[in-house]
Amino acid sequence: MNGVVTPSLNLGGVPERRFECSRAGCREDAPWAILWRNPKIHGPERRKTWLACDEHRATLYDFLEARSFPLEVRTVGELDD
């Protein structure tokens, strides 16, 4: 090694923070959780969660809403562990 420290890549591994934005390339803290499901694939008992920072909350929500997926927005503090 030449003494250069290369930042680690996340690539689907453990995030650096507990709640990190799900937007591609964003690593900001995520105070928001967008719960959604694709009704063509999943029944009402199955929901996925995307986390969002303040900047990307509307973008992620609009992406899912355009597909008519059932959505719910909560704060991350309201999520079950």
N, C-alpha and C. Protein backbone atom coordinates (compact mmCIF):
# COMPACT_ATOMS: atom_id res chain seq x y z
N MET A 1 0.84 -1.18 0.00
CA MET A 1 0.00 0.00 0.00
C MET A 1 0.88 1.24 0.00
N ASN A 2 0.38 2.29 -0.56
CA ASN A 2 1.15 3.52 -0.66
C ASN A 2 0.74 4.56 0.38
N GLY A 3 0.00 4.15 1.40
CA GLY A 3 -0.41 5.07 2.45
C GLY A 3 -1.66 5.87 2.13
N VAL A 4 -2.26 5.63 0.96
CA VAL A 4 -3.49 6.33 0.59
C VAL A 4 -4.66 5.56 1.16
N VAL A 5 -5.52 6.26 1.87
CA VAL A 5 -6.70 5.64 2.45
C VAL A 5 -7.86 5.83 1.48
N THR A 6 -8.46 4.73 1.06
CA THR A 6 -9.59 4.78 0.15
C THR A 6 -10.86 4.63 0.97
N PRO A 7 -11.83 5.56 0.79
CA PRO A 7 -13.08 5.42 1.53
C PRO A 7 -13.77 4.12 1.16
N SER A 8 -14.42 3.51 2.13
CA SER A 8 -15.10 2.25 1.86
C SER A 8 -16.39 2.51 1.09
N LEU A 9 -16.72 1.58 0.23
CA LEU A 9 -17.98 1.64 -0.50
C LEU A 9 -19.01 0.82 0.24
N ASN A 10 -20.25 1.24 0.19
CA ASN A 10 -21.31 0.54 0.88
C ASN A 10 -21.79 -0.67 0.08
N LEU A 11 -22.08 -0.52 -1.18
CA LEU A 11 -22.48 -1.59 -2.11
C LEU A 11 -23.39 -2.64 -1.48
N GLY A 12 -24.45 -2.19 -0.83
CA GLY A 12 -25.41 -3.11 -0.26
C GLY A 12 -25.01 -3.67 1.08
N GLY A 13 -23.90 -3.24 1.62
CA GLY A 13 -23.46 -3.72 2.93
C GLY A 13 -24.14 -2.96 4.05
N VAL A 14 -23.57 -3.01 5.18
CA VAL A 14 -24.12 -2.33 6.35
C VAL A 14 -23.96 -0.83 6.17
N PRO A 15 -25.05 -0.06 6.31
CA PRO A 15 -24.93 1.40 6.14
C PRO A 15 -24.09 2.01 7.25
N GLU A 16 -23.52 3.18 6.95
CA GLU A 16 -22.71 3.87 7.94
C GLU A 16 -23.54 4.39 9.11
N ARG A 17 -24.79 4.71 8.84
CA ARG A 17 -25.71 5.21 9.87
C ARG A 17 -26.87 4.22 9.98
N ARG A 18 -27.58 4.26 11.08
CA ARG A 18 -28.72 3.35 11.24
C ARG A 18 -29.79 3.66 10.22
N PHE A 19 -30.11 4.95 10.03
CA PHE A 19 -31.14 5.36 9.08
C PHE A 19 -30.48 6.23 8.02
N GLU A 20 -30.23 5.64 6.86
CA GLU A 20 -29.54 6.32 5.77
C GLU A 20 -30.47 6.35 4.56
N CYS A 21 -30.50 7.46 3.86
CA CYS A 21 -31.38 7.67 2.72
C CYS A 21 -31.23 6.56 1.68
N SER A 22 -32.36 6.11 1.14
CA SER A 22 -32.37 5.04 0.14
C SER A 22 -32.11 5.53 -1.28
N ARG A 23 -32.10 6.83 -1.49
CA ARG A 23 -31.87 7.38 -2.84
C ARG A 23 -30.46 7.01 -3.28
N ALA A 24 -30.34 6.53 -4.49
CA ALA A 24 -29.04 6.11 -5.03
C ALA A 24 -28.03 7.24 -4.89
N GLY A 25 -26.89 6.93 -4.30
CA GLY A 25 -25.80 7.89 -4.16
C GLY A 25 -25.91 8.81 -2.97
N CYS A 26 -27.02 8.78 -2.26
CA CYS A 26 -27.19 9.65 -1.09
C CYS A 26 -26.83 8.88 0.18
N ARG A 27 -26.11 9.51 1.05
CA ARG A 27 -25.71 8.89 2.31
C ARG A 27 -26.12 9.75 3.51
N GLU A 28 -27.09 10.62 3.30
CA GLU A 28 -27.54 11.51 4.37
C GLU A 28 -28.40 10.75 5.38
N ASP A 29 -28.48 11.30 6.58
CA ASP A 29 -29.38 10.76 7.59
C ASP A 29 -30.81 10.81 7.06
N ALA A 30 -31.59 9.80 7.38
CA ALA A 30 -32.96 9.69 6.88
C ALA A 30 -33.95 9.76 8.05
N PRO A 31 -34.63 10.89 8.22
CA PRO A 31 -35.64 10.98 9.27
C PRO A 31 -37.00 10.42 8.84
N TRP A 32 -37.15 10.09 7.55
CA TRP A 32 -38.44 9.65 7.02
C TRP A 32 -38.40 8.20 6.55
N ALA A 33 -39.53 7.51 6.69
CA ALA A 33 -39.70 6.15 6.19
C ALA A 33 -40.92 6.15 5.28
N ILE A 34 -40.75 5.66 4.07
CA ILE A 34 -41.87 5.52 3.14
C ILE A 34 -42.17 4.03 3.05
N LEU A 35 -43.32 3.63 3.55
CA LEU A 35 -43.73 2.23 3.52
C LEU A 35 -44.60 2.04 2.29
N TRP A 36 -44.31 1.01 1.51
CA TRP A 36 -45.02 0.81 0.26
C TRP A 36 -45.06 -0.67 -0.09
N ARG A 37 -45.91 -0.98 -1.08
CA ARG A 37 -45.94 -2.34 -1.61
C ARG A 37 -46.43 -2.29 -3.05
N ASN A 38 -46.03 -3.27 -3.81
CA ASN A 38 -46.51 -3.43 -5.17
C ASN A 38 -47.65 -4.45 -5.11
N PRO A 39 -48.89 -4.00 -5.25
CA PRO A 39 -50.03 -4.91 -5.08
C PRO A 39 -50.10 -6.01 -6.14
N LYS A 40 -49.38 -5.87 -7.24
CA LYS A 40 -49.36 -6.92 -8.26
C LYS A 40 -48.49 -8.09 -7.82
N ILE A 41 -47.60 -7.84 -6.86
CA ILE A 41 -46.67 -8.86 -6.41
C ILE A 41 -46.92 -9.28 -4.96
N HIS A 42 -47.24 -8.32 -4.08
CA HIS A 42 -47.34 -8.58 -2.65
C HIS A 42 -48.75 -8.35 -2.12
N GLY A 43 -49.13 -9.19 -1.15
CA GLY A 43 -50.40 -9.01 -0.47
C GLY A 43 -50.31 -7.87 0.53
N PRO A 44 -51.45 -7.51 1.15
CA PRO A 44 -51.48 -6.37 2.08
C PRO A 44 -50.58 -6.52 3.31
N GLU A 45 -50.21 -7.74 3.65
CA GLU A 45 -49.36 -7.96 4.83
C GLU A 45 -47.89 -7.66 4.56
N ARG A 46 -47.52 -7.55 3.30
CA ARG A 46 -46.11 -7.33 2.93
C ARG A 46 -45.90 -5.88 2.53
N ARG A 47 -44.98 -5.20 3.22
CA ARG A 47 -44.64 -3.83 2.85
C ARG A 47 -43.13 -3.68 2.84
N LYS A 48 -42.66 -2.85 1.94
CA LYS A 48 -41.24 -2.51 1.88
C LYS A 48 -41.06 -1.13 2.47
N THR A 49 -39.84 -0.82 2.86
CA THR A 49 -39.55 0.49 3.45
C THR A 49 -38.38 1.12 2.73
N TRP A 50 -38.59 2.33 2.27
CA TRP A 50 -37.51 3.17 1.76
C TRP A 50 -37.31 4.28 2.76
N LEU A 51 -36.08 4.56 3.10
CA LEU A 51 -35.76 5.66 4.00
C LEU A 51 -35.40 6.88 3.18
N ALA A 52 -35.73 8.07 3.71
CA ALA A 52 -35.51 9.29 2.94
C ALA A 52 -35.00 10.43 3.81
N CYS A 53 -34.04 11.16 3.25
CA CYS A 53 -33.62 12.42 3.87
C CYS A 53 -34.64 13.48 3.48
N ASP A 54 -34.53 14.65 4.07
CA ASP A 54 -35.49 15.72 3.75
C ASP A 54 -35.46 16.06 2.26
N GLU A 55 -34.28 16.09 1.66
CA GLU A 55 -34.15 16.48 0.26
C GLU A 55 -34.80 15.48 -0.70
N HIS A 56 -34.75 14.18 -0.38
CA HIS A 56 -35.24 13.17 -1.31
C HIS A 56 -36.60 12.58 -0.95
N ARG A 57 -37.21 13.04 0.12
CA ARG A 57 -38.51 12.49 0.53
C ARG A 57 -39.54 12.60 -0.59
N ALA A 58 -39.71 13.77 -1.17
CA ALA A 58 -40.71 13.98 -2.21
C ALA A 58 -40.37 13.18 -3.48
N THR A 59 -39.10 13.13 -3.84
CA THR A 59 -38.68 12.40 -5.04
C THR A 59 -39.01 10.92 -4.93
N LEU A 60 -38.66 10.31 -3.81
CA LEU A 60 -38.94 8.89 -3.62
C LEU A 60 -40.44 8.63 -3.54
N TYR A 61 -41.15 9.49 -2.84
CA TYR A 61 -42.60 9.35 -2.71
C TYR A 61 -43.26 9.46 -4.09
N ASP A 62 -42.90 10.48 -4.85
CA ASP A 62 -43.50 10.69 -6.17
C ASP A 62 -43.23 9.52 -7.11
N PHE A 63 -42.04 8.93 -7.03
CA PHE A 63 -41.70 7.77 -7.85
C PHE A 63 -42.67 6.62 -7.58
N LEU A 64 -42.93 6.35 -6.31
CA LEU A 64 -43.83 5.25 -5.94
C LEU A 64 -45.29 5.60 -6.21
N GLU A 65 -45.67 6.84 -5.95
CA GLU A 65 -47.05 7.27 -6.16
C GLU A 65 -47.42 7.21 -7.65
N ALA A 66 -46.48 7.52 -8.54
CA ALA A 66 -46.73 7.47 -9.98
C ALA A 66 -47.08 6.06 -10.44
N ARG A 67 -46.69 5.06 -9.67
CA ARG A 67 -46.99 3.67 -9.99
C ARG A 67 -48.24 3.17 -9.26
N SER A 68 -48.92 4.08 -8.57
CA SER A 68 -50.16 3.78 -7.82
C SER A 68 -49.95 2.74 -6.73
N PHE A 69 -48.74 2.71 -6.15
CA PHE A 69 -48.48 1.80 -5.05
C PHE A 69 -49.09 2.38 -3.77
N PRO A 70 -49.68 1.53 -2.93
CA PRO A 70 -50.14 2.01 -1.62
C PRO A 70 -48.95 2.52 -0.81
N LEU A 71 -49.08 3.72 -0.24
CA LEU A 71 -47.98 4.38 0.46
C LEU A 71 -48.39 4.87 1.83
N GLU A 72 -47.41 4.94 2.69
CA GLU A 72 -47.57 5.57 4.01
C GLU A 72 -46.23 6.18 4.38
N VAL A 73 -46.24 7.41 4.88
CA VAL A 73 -45.02 8.07 5.32
C VAL A 73 -45.05 8.19 6.84
N ARG A 74 -43.96 7.79 7.46
CA ARG A 74 -43.78 7.89 8.91
C ARG A 74 -42.41 8.47 9.20
N THR A 75 -42.21 8.88 10.41
CA THR A 75 -40.85 9.21 10.85
C THR A 75 -40.17 7.90 11.20
N VAL A 76 -38.84 7.88 11.14
CA VAL A 76 -38.14 6.64 11.47
C VAL A 76 -38.35 6.25 12.93
N GLY A 77 -38.65 7.22 13.77
CA GLY A 77 -38.93 6.94 15.17
C GLY A 77 -40.20 6.11 15.36
N GLU A 78 -41.06 6.11 14.36
CA GLU A 78 -42.31 5.34 14.43
C GLU A 78 -42.17 3.92 13.90
N LEU A 79 -41.00 3.58 13.38
CA LEU A 79 -40.79 2.23 12.85
C LEU A 79 -40.61 1.22 13.97
N ASP A 80 -41.05 0.01 13.71
CA ASP A 80 -40.78 -1.08 14.64
C ASP A 80 -39.34 -1.52 14.46
N ASP A 81 -38.68 -1.89 15.53
CA ASP A 81 -37.30 -2.40 15.40
C ASP A 81 -37.27 -3.78 14.83
